[in-house]
N, C-alpha and C. Protein backbone atom coordinates (compact mmCIF):
# COMPACT_ATOMS: atom_id res chain seq x y z
N MET A 1 0.84 -1.09 -0.01
CA MET A 1 -0.01 0.10 0.00
C MET A 1 0.85 1.18 0.03
N GLY A 2 0.55 2.27 -0.85
CA GLY A 2 1.39 3.44 -0.86
C GLY A 2 0.92 4.34 0.30
N GLN A 3 1.86 5.15 0.59
CA GLN A 3 1.55 6.03 1.83
C GLN A 3 1.67 7.59 1.44
N ALA A 4 1.51 7.85 0.16
CA ALA A 4 1.68 9.20 -0.27
C ALA A 4 0.29 10.02 -0.18
N PRO A 5 0.33 11.21 0.33
CA PRO A 5 -0.96 11.99 0.37
C PRO A 5 -1.33 12.32 -1.04
N GLY A 6 -2.65 12.45 -1.17
CA GLY A 6 -3.26 12.85 -2.52
C GLY A 6 -4.53 12.16 -2.77
N LYS A 7 -4.91 12.25 -4.14
CA LYS A 7 -6.12 11.52 -4.50
C LYS A 7 -5.81 10.17 -5.02
N TYR A 8 -6.77 9.31 -4.61
CA TYR A 8 -6.69 7.90 -4.93
C TYR A 8 -7.88 7.71 -5.86
N LEU A 9 -7.49 6.87 -6.97
CA LEU A 9 -8.49 6.36 -7.89
C LEU A 9 -8.88 4.99 -7.71
N PHE A 10 -10.27 4.84 -7.38
CA PHE A 10 -10.75 3.46 -7.05
C PHE A 10 -11.60 2.84 -8.10
N VAL A 11 -11.59 1.59 -8.26
CA VAL A 11 -12.59 0.82 -8.91
C VAL A 11 -13.18 -0.07 -7.98
N ILE A 12 -14.46 -0.15 -7.78
CA ILE A 12 -15.06 -1.09 -6.78
C ILE A 12 -16.26 -1.84 -7.28
N ARG A 13 -16.52 -2.85 -6.62
CA ARG A 13 -17.80 -3.66 -6.90
C ARG A 13 -18.66 -3.36 -5.70
N SER A 14 -19.85 -2.74 -5.86
CA SER A 14 -20.71 -2.37 -4.87
C SER A 14 -21.34 -3.61 -4.24
N ALA A 15 -22.05 -3.43 -3.16
CA ALA A 15 -22.65 -4.68 -2.51
C ALA A 15 -23.77 -5.36 -3.44
N ASN A 16 -24.28 -4.67 -4.37
CA ASN A 16 -25.24 -5.20 -5.18
C ASN A 16 -24.68 -5.79 -6.45
N GLY A 17 -23.23 -5.74 -6.56
CA GLY A 17 -22.61 -6.24 -7.77
C GLY A 17 -22.28 -5.42 -8.86
N VAL A 18 -22.71 -4.04 -8.76
CA VAL A 18 -22.33 -3.10 -9.88
C VAL A 18 -20.95 -2.69 -9.70
N ILE A 19 -20.23 -2.56 -10.87
CA ILE A 19 -18.83 -2.07 -10.87
C ILE A 19 -18.85 -0.57 -10.98
N VAL A 20 -18.26 0.15 -10.09
CA VAL A 20 -18.17 1.57 -10.15
C VAL A 20 -16.67 1.95 -10.29
N LYS A 21 -16.45 2.70 -11.38
CA LYS A 21 -15.15 3.05 -11.84
C LYS A 21 -15.01 4.63 -11.57
N ASN A 22 -13.74 5.03 -11.59
CA ASN A 22 -13.32 6.25 -11.46
C ASN A 22 -13.75 7.16 -10.28
N LEU A 23 -13.74 6.48 -9.12
CA LEU A 23 -14.04 7.06 -7.83
C LEU A 23 -12.79 7.72 -7.31
N GLN A 24 -12.69 9.02 -7.16
CA GLN A 24 -11.60 9.66 -6.59
C GLN A 24 -11.83 10.18 -5.22
N VAL A 25 -10.95 9.80 -4.30
CA VAL A 25 -11.09 10.14 -2.87
C VAL A 25 -9.76 10.64 -2.43
N TYR A 26 -9.67 11.80 -1.59
CA TYR A 26 -8.55 12.28 -1.07
C TYR A 26 -8.13 11.51 0.18
N GLY A 27 -6.98 11.35 0.48
CA GLY A 27 -6.59 10.59 1.70
C GLY A 27 -5.07 11.06 1.97
N LYS A 28 -4.82 11.15 3.29
CA LYS A 28 -3.39 11.37 3.72
C LYS A 28 -2.51 10.11 3.35
N THR A 29 -3.24 8.98 3.43
CA THR A 29 -2.55 7.67 3.11
C THR A 29 -3.59 6.85 2.35
N ARG A 30 -3.14 5.80 1.74
CA ARG A 30 -3.95 4.84 0.91
C ARG A 30 -5.02 4.28 1.93
N LEU A 31 -4.60 3.99 3.11
CA LEU A 31 -5.45 3.30 4.13
C LEU A 31 -6.63 4.30 4.47
N GLU A 32 -6.32 5.51 4.61
CA GLU A 32 -7.42 6.61 4.89
C GLU A 32 -8.35 6.69 3.76
N ALA A 33 -7.95 6.64 2.55
CA ALA A 33 -8.76 6.65 1.27
C ALA A 33 -9.50 5.44 1.34
N ASP A 34 -9.02 4.33 1.55
CA ASP A 34 -9.79 3.08 1.49
C ASP A 34 -10.91 3.15 2.52
N GLU A 35 -10.57 3.58 3.77
CA GLU A 35 -11.59 3.75 4.79
C GLU A 35 -12.74 4.66 4.41
N LYS A 36 -12.49 5.76 3.72
CA LYS A 36 -13.52 6.59 3.22
C LYS A 36 -14.40 6.06 2.07
N ILE A 37 -13.68 5.25 1.32
CA ILE A 37 -14.57 4.44 0.25
C ILE A 37 -15.49 3.46 0.96
N ARG A 38 -14.98 2.74 1.85
CA ARG A 38 -15.77 1.79 2.63
C ARG A 38 -16.92 2.39 3.53
N GLN A 39 -16.72 3.60 3.89
CA GLN A 39 -17.77 4.32 4.64
C GLN A 39 -18.90 4.69 3.62
N MET A 40 -18.48 5.15 2.51
CA MET A 40 -19.51 5.52 1.45
C MET A 40 -20.17 4.38 0.75
N TYR A 41 -19.42 3.25 0.55
CA TYR A 41 -19.96 2.16 -0.15
C TYR A 41 -19.68 0.88 0.77
N ARG A 42 -20.61 0.79 1.77
CA ARG A 42 -20.58 -0.35 2.64
C ARG A 42 -20.63 -1.76 1.96
N ARG A 43 -19.85 -2.63 2.41
CA ARG A 43 -19.75 -4.00 1.91
C ARG A 43 -19.28 -4.07 0.46
N CYS A 44 -18.48 -3.07 0.04
CA CYS A 44 -17.93 -3.12 -1.35
C CYS A 44 -16.75 -3.88 -1.35
N GLU A 45 -16.31 -4.23 -2.67
CA GLU A 45 -15.05 -4.90 -2.83
C GLU A 45 -14.17 -4.01 -3.54
N VAL A 46 -12.96 -3.58 -3.17
CA VAL A 46 -12.05 -2.87 -3.80
C VAL A 46 -11.38 -3.64 -4.96
N ILE A 47 -11.60 -3.28 -6.18
CA ILE A 47 -11.01 -4.07 -7.29
C ILE A 47 -9.61 -3.51 -7.53
N SER A 48 -9.51 -2.06 -7.72
CA SER A 48 -8.22 -1.56 -7.79
C SER A 48 -8.12 -0.23 -7.25
N CYS A 49 -6.95 0.33 -6.94
CA CYS A 49 -6.73 1.54 -6.32
C CYS A 49 -5.42 2.05 -6.82
N GLU A 50 -5.27 3.35 -7.25
CA GLU A 50 -4.00 3.82 -7.64
C GLU A 50 -3.86 5.38 -7.22
N LEU A 51 -2.78 5.85 -6.90
CA LEU A 51 -2.61 7.19 -6.61
C LEU A 51 -2.61 8.07 -7.86
N VAL A 52 -3.42 9.08 -7.94
CA VAL A 52 -3.53 9.91 -9.17
C VAL A 52 -2.38 10.91 -9.14
N GLU A 53 -1.72 10.96 -10.20
CA GLU A 53 -0.56 11.82 -10.19
C GLU A 53 -1.15 13.07 -10.76
N ASN A 54 -0.92 14.19 -10.04
CA ASN A 54 -1.42 15.49 -10.37
C ASN A 54 -0.30 16.34 -10.88
N PRO A 55 -0.25 16.61 -12.17
CA PRO A 55 0.76 17.42 -12.77
C PRO A 55 0.66 18.80 -12.25
N LYS A 56 1.73 19.44 -11.81
CA LYS A 56 1.66 20.79 -11.24
C LYS A 56 1.27 21.81 -12.43
N THR A 57 0.17 22.40 -12.19
CA THR A 57 -0.31 23.43 -13.17
C THR A 57 0.23 24.76 -12.74
N ALA A 58 0.51 25.57 -13.74
CA ALA A 58 0.94 26.90 -13.49
C ALA A 58 -0.18 27.76 -13.21
N SER A 59 -0.07 28.47 -12.05
CA SER A 59 -1.20 29.35 -11.51
C SER A 59 -1.07 30.67 -12.41
N ALA A 60 -2.26 31.24 -12.64
CA ALA A 60 -2.33 32.48 -13.34
C ALA A 60 -2.94 33.55 -12.53
N ASN A 61 -2.36 34.80 -12.59
CA ASN A 61 -3.02 35.85 -11.70
C ASN A 61 -4.04 36.59 -12.82
N PHE A 62 -4.65 37.61 -12.04
CA PHE A 62 -5.60 38.32 -12.93
C PHE A 62 -4.98 39.02 -14.10
N GLU A 63 -3.92 39.58 -13.91
CA GLU A 63 -3.32 40.20 -15.17
C GLU A 63 -3.00 39.32 -16.25
N ASP A 64 -2.60 38.01 -15.89
CA ASP A 64 -2.27 37.02 -16.99
C ASP A 64 -3.59 36.66 -17.69
N VAL A 65 -4.63 36.49 -16.98
CA VAL A 65 -5.91 36.24 -17.65
C VAL A 65 -6.39 37.35 -18.52
N LEU A 66 -6.34 38.50 -18.09
CA LEU A 66 -6.69 39.68 -18.85
C LEU A 66 -5.89 39.82 -20.12
N ASP A 67 -4.51 39.59 -19.96
CA ASP A 67 -3.64 39.59 -21.14
C ASP A 67 -4.07 38.50 -22.19
N ALA A 68 -4.37 37.36 -21.71
CA ALA A 68 -4.82 36.31 -22.60
C ALA A 68 -6.12 36.61 -23.29
N ILE A 69 -7.07 37.33 -22.62
CA ILE A 69 -8.31 37.73 -23.25
C ILE A 69 -8.06 38.73 -24.30
N VAL A 70 -7.15 39.75 -24.07
CA VAL A 70 -6.93 40.82 -24.87
C VAL A 70 -6.24 40.33 -26.18
N VAL A 71 -5.29 39.42 -26.01
CA VAL A 71 -4.58 38.83 -27.09
C VAL A 71 -5.50 37.98 -28.07
N SER A 72 -6.49 37.22 -27.42
CA SER A 72 -7.34 36.39 -28.19
C SER A 72 -8.41 37.20 -28.98
N ASN A 73 -8.76 38.41 -28.40
CA ASN A 73 -9.66 39.31 -29.17
C ASN A 73 -9.09 40.22 -30.10
N ALA A 74 -7.76 40.22 -30.20
CA ALA A 74 -7.00 41.14 -31.16
C ALA A 74 -7.01 40.71 -32.57
């Protein structure tokens, strides 16, 4: 089990047998994320779980957004 904080992507089988994909849950650890899934989906079976890699996105300030709008309208 990985112990990195972040979002974890789950695929589960619910108690009534339905496969649920693309469940993203934040957890400080994989164990915490797993516990959250099991609270929301009681008696579920976890089929897979992986840490979602979040690429760092550049943040933009107000001026950058205005510059982009002005350039696109020119």
